Amino acid sequence: MSAVQCFGKKKMAAEPLANHLQTATAVAHVTPGRGLVRLNGSPISLVEPAMLRYKVYEPILVLGPEKLANLDIRLRVKGGGHVSQLYALRQAIAKGVVAFYAKNEDAASALELKKTLIAYDRTLLVADPRRMEPKKFGGRGARARRQKSYR
């Protein structure tokens, strides 16, 4: 069995401009193993902030421990803020496990995992395509214009 690399991108910026909407990028390497999940080399139980730790646990809890008992997941994340990184991580975990099952197991089990994840939360597998619109001249923002006065 071979390793599967999956990228979970949370609203990745189209071009590298400043002040975009949530640009965190997470990469998940899923390999056959003992059930370890590590984030940037440390255990996933140390994810901060603690209030949002269960957001990262969601794909693991939804799929169940029996599906992940023989998989090792190594995660890397960079860019964005705390919340954006956590949402990118949960998406990378979900996509990585589905890709691993599709490549190394049978397609039916991968489809079953996909249906389970989408039934729980669609954003686990589908990225949010919204981007920040660039500012234009004649106003303070993308759409806001200066007020017009006739007197």
Protein backbone atom coordinates (compact mmCIF):
# COMPACT_ATOMS: atom_id res chain seq x y z
CA MET A 1 0.00 0.00 0.00
CA SER A 2 1.24 3.46 -0.79
CA ALA A 3 0.83 6.87 0.77
CA VAL A 4 -1.77 9.40 -0.33
CA GLN A 5 -1.18 13.12 -0.16
CA CYS A 6 -4.23 15.38 0.01
CA PHE A 7 -4.45 19.14 0.10
CA GLY A 8 -7.20 20.86 2.08
CA LYS A 9 -7.34 24.48 1.10
CA LYS A 10 -9.57 26.87 2.95
CA LYS A 11 -10.49 29.73 0.64
CA MET A 12 -7.03 29.92 -0.91
CA ALA A 13 -6.20 33.27 -2.50
CA ALA A 14 -6.11 33.24 -6.31
CA GLU A 15 -3.00 35.44 -6.45
CA PRO A 16 -0.62 36.43 -3.63
CA LEU A 17 -2.07 39.81 -2.69
CA ALA A 18 -2.33 41.21 0.81
CA ASN A 19 -5.53 41.23 2.88
CA HIS A 20 -7.38 38.30 1.30
CA LEU A 21 -10.11 36.24 2.90
CA GLN A 22 -8.72 33.23 4.78
CA THR A 23 -5.68 31.78 3.06
CA ALA A 24 -4.71 28.81 5.25
CA THR A 25 -3.37 25.71 3.49
CA ALA A 26 -3.26 22.26 5.10
CA VAL A 27 -1.61 19.14 3.67
CA ALA A 28 -2.46 15.63 4.91
CA HIS A 29 -0.21 12.61 4.26
CA VAL A 30 -2.22 9.44 4.87
CA THR A 31 -0.21 6.21 5.12
CA PRO A 32 -0.86 2.72 6.48
CA GLY A 33 0.16 2.63 10.13
CA ARG A 34 -0.99 2.45 13.75
CA GLY A 35 -3.64 5.18 13.94
CA LEU A 36 -1.40 8.17 14.75
CA VAL A 37 -2.54 11.68 13.86
CA ARG A 38 0.17 14.33 14.07
CA LEU A 39 0.05 18.05 13.29
CA ASN A 40 3.39 19.69 12.39
CA GLY A 41 5.14 16.85 14.24
CA SER A 42 3.17 17.08 17.50
CA PRO A 43 0.05 15.15 18.60
CA ILE A 44 -3.29 16.49 17.39
CA SER A 45 -4.52 16.68 21.00
CA LEU A 46 -2.37 19.80 21.48
CA VAL A 47 -4.27 21.87 18.87
CA GLU A 48 -4.97 25.41 20.03
CA PRO A 49 -7.38 27.09 20.66
CA ALA A 50 -8.86 24.35 22.83
CA MET A 51 -12.43 25.54 22.18
CA LEU A 52 -12.11 24.66 18.49
CA ARG A 53 -10.15 21.41 18.96
CA TYR A 54 -13.27 19.33 18.28
CA LYS A 55 -13.60 20.97 14.86
CA VAL A 56 -10.38 19.16 13.90
CA TYR A 57 -11.64 15.95 15.55
CA GLU A 58 -14.95 16.03 13.60
CA PRO A 59 -13.90 13.97 10.55
CA ILE A 60 -12.18 11.44 12.83
CA LEU A 61 -15.22 11.11 15.09
CA VAL A 62 -17.70 10.96 12.18
CA LEU A 63 -15.79 8.22 10.34
CA GLY A 64 -15.21 6.24 13.52
CA PRO A 65 -12.04 4.86 15.06
CA GLU A 66 -12.32 1.49 13.26
CA LYS A 67 -11.82 3.18 9.85
CA LEU A 68 -8.73 5.07 11.02
CA ALA A 69 -7.16 2.44 13.30
CA ASN A 70 -4.73 1.28 10.61
CA LEU A 71 -3.91 4.73 9.14
CA ASP A 72 -1.29 7.29 10.09
CA ILE A 73 -2.14 10.90 9.23
CA ARG A 74 0.60 13.53 9.18
CA LEU A 75 -0.65 17.10 8.83
CA ARG A 76 1.08 20.35 7.91
CA VAL A 77 -0.64 23.72 7.99
CA LYS A 78 0.48 27.26 7.22
CA GLY A 79 -0.98 30.66 6.45
CA GLY A 80 -4.24 32.24 7.57
CA GLY A 81 -5.42 32.62 11.15
CA HIS A 82 -6.24 30.14 13.92
CA VAL A 83 -9.80 29.36 12.86
CA SER A 84 -8.97 29.25 9.17
CA GLN A 85 -6.14 26.77 9.85
CA LEU A 86 -8.46 24.50 11.85
CA TYR A 87 -11.07 24.42 9.08
CA ALA A 88 -8.33 23.68 6.52
CA LEU A 89 -7.08 20.82 8.73
CA ARG A 90 -10.48 19.18 9.07
CA GLN A 91 -10.99 19.36 5.31
CA ALA A 92 -7.53 17.91 4.63
CA ILE A 93 -8.15 14.98 7.01
CA ALA A 94 -11.50 14.16 5.42
CA LYS A 95 -10.21 14.44 1.84
CA GLY A 96 -7.06 12.47 2.65
CA VAL A 97 -8.90 9.52 4.20
CA VAL A 98 -11.38 9.36 1.31
CA ALA A 99 -8.52 9.50 -1.23
CA PHE A 100 -6.63 6.77 0.63
CA TYR A 101 -9.64 4.45 0.63
CA ALA A 102 -10.30 5.19 -3.05
CA LYS A 103 -6.71 4.37 -4.01
CA ASN A 104 -5.87 1.44 -1.70
CA GLU A 105 -9.23 -0.11 -0.78
CA ASP A 106 -12.27 -0.41 -3.03
CA ALA A 107 -14.22 2.47 -4.54
CA ALA A 108 -17.44 1.41 -2.79
CA SER A 109 -15.97 2.00 0.68
CA ALA A 110 -14.62 5.39 -0.44
CA LEU A 111 -18.07 6.34 -1.74
CA GLU A 112 -19.62 5.24 1.55
CA LEU A 113 -17.14 7.40 3.51
CA LYS A 114 -17.86 10.33 1.21
CA LYS A 115 -21.62 10.02 1.72
CA THR A 116 -21.15 9.82 5.50
CA LEU A 117 -19.01 12.97 5.57
CA ILE A 118 -21.31 14.96 3.26
CA ALA A 119 -24.36 13.95 5.29
CA TYR A 120 -22.66 15.33 8.41
CA ASP A 121 -21.17 18.52 6.95
CA ARG A 122 -20.62 19.33 3.27
CA THR A 123 -17.67 21.66 3.99
CA LEU A 124 -15.60 18.65 5.07
CA LEU A 125 -15.12 17.74 1.38
CA VAL A 126 -16.17 20.85 -0.58
CA ALA A 127 -14.13 24.07 -0.26
CA ASP A 128 -15.72 27.49 0.13
CA PRO A 129 -15.04 29.32 -3.17
CA ARG A 130 -15.59 32.87 -1.86
CA ARG A 131 -12.72 35.34 -2.20
CA MET A 132 -12.19 38.90 -1.13
CA GLU A 133 -12.95 41.32 -3.94
CA PRO A 134 -10.17 43.83 -4.65
CA LYS A 135 -10.64 47.49 -3.78
CA LYS A 136 -11.35 49.85 -6.66
CA PHE A 137 -10.72 53.59 -7.07
CA GLY A 138 -13.34 56.15 -6.10
CA GLY A 139 -14.25 54.62 -2.74
CA ARG A 140 -13.07 52.97 0.44
CA GLY A 141 -13.73 49.37 -0.57
CA ALA A 142 -14.68 46.99 -3.34
CA ARG A 143 -18.23 48.31 -3.76
CA ALA A 144 -18.55 51.35 -1.47
CA ARG A 145 -18.33 54.69 -3.34
CA ARG A 146 -17.88 58.22 -2.15
CA GLN A 147 -21.16 60.00 -1.45
CA LYS A 148 -22.33 62.28 -4.23
CA SER A 149 -23.46 65.82 -3.40
CA TYR A 150 -25.23 68.27 -5.73
CA ARG A 151 -24.74 71.34 -3.52
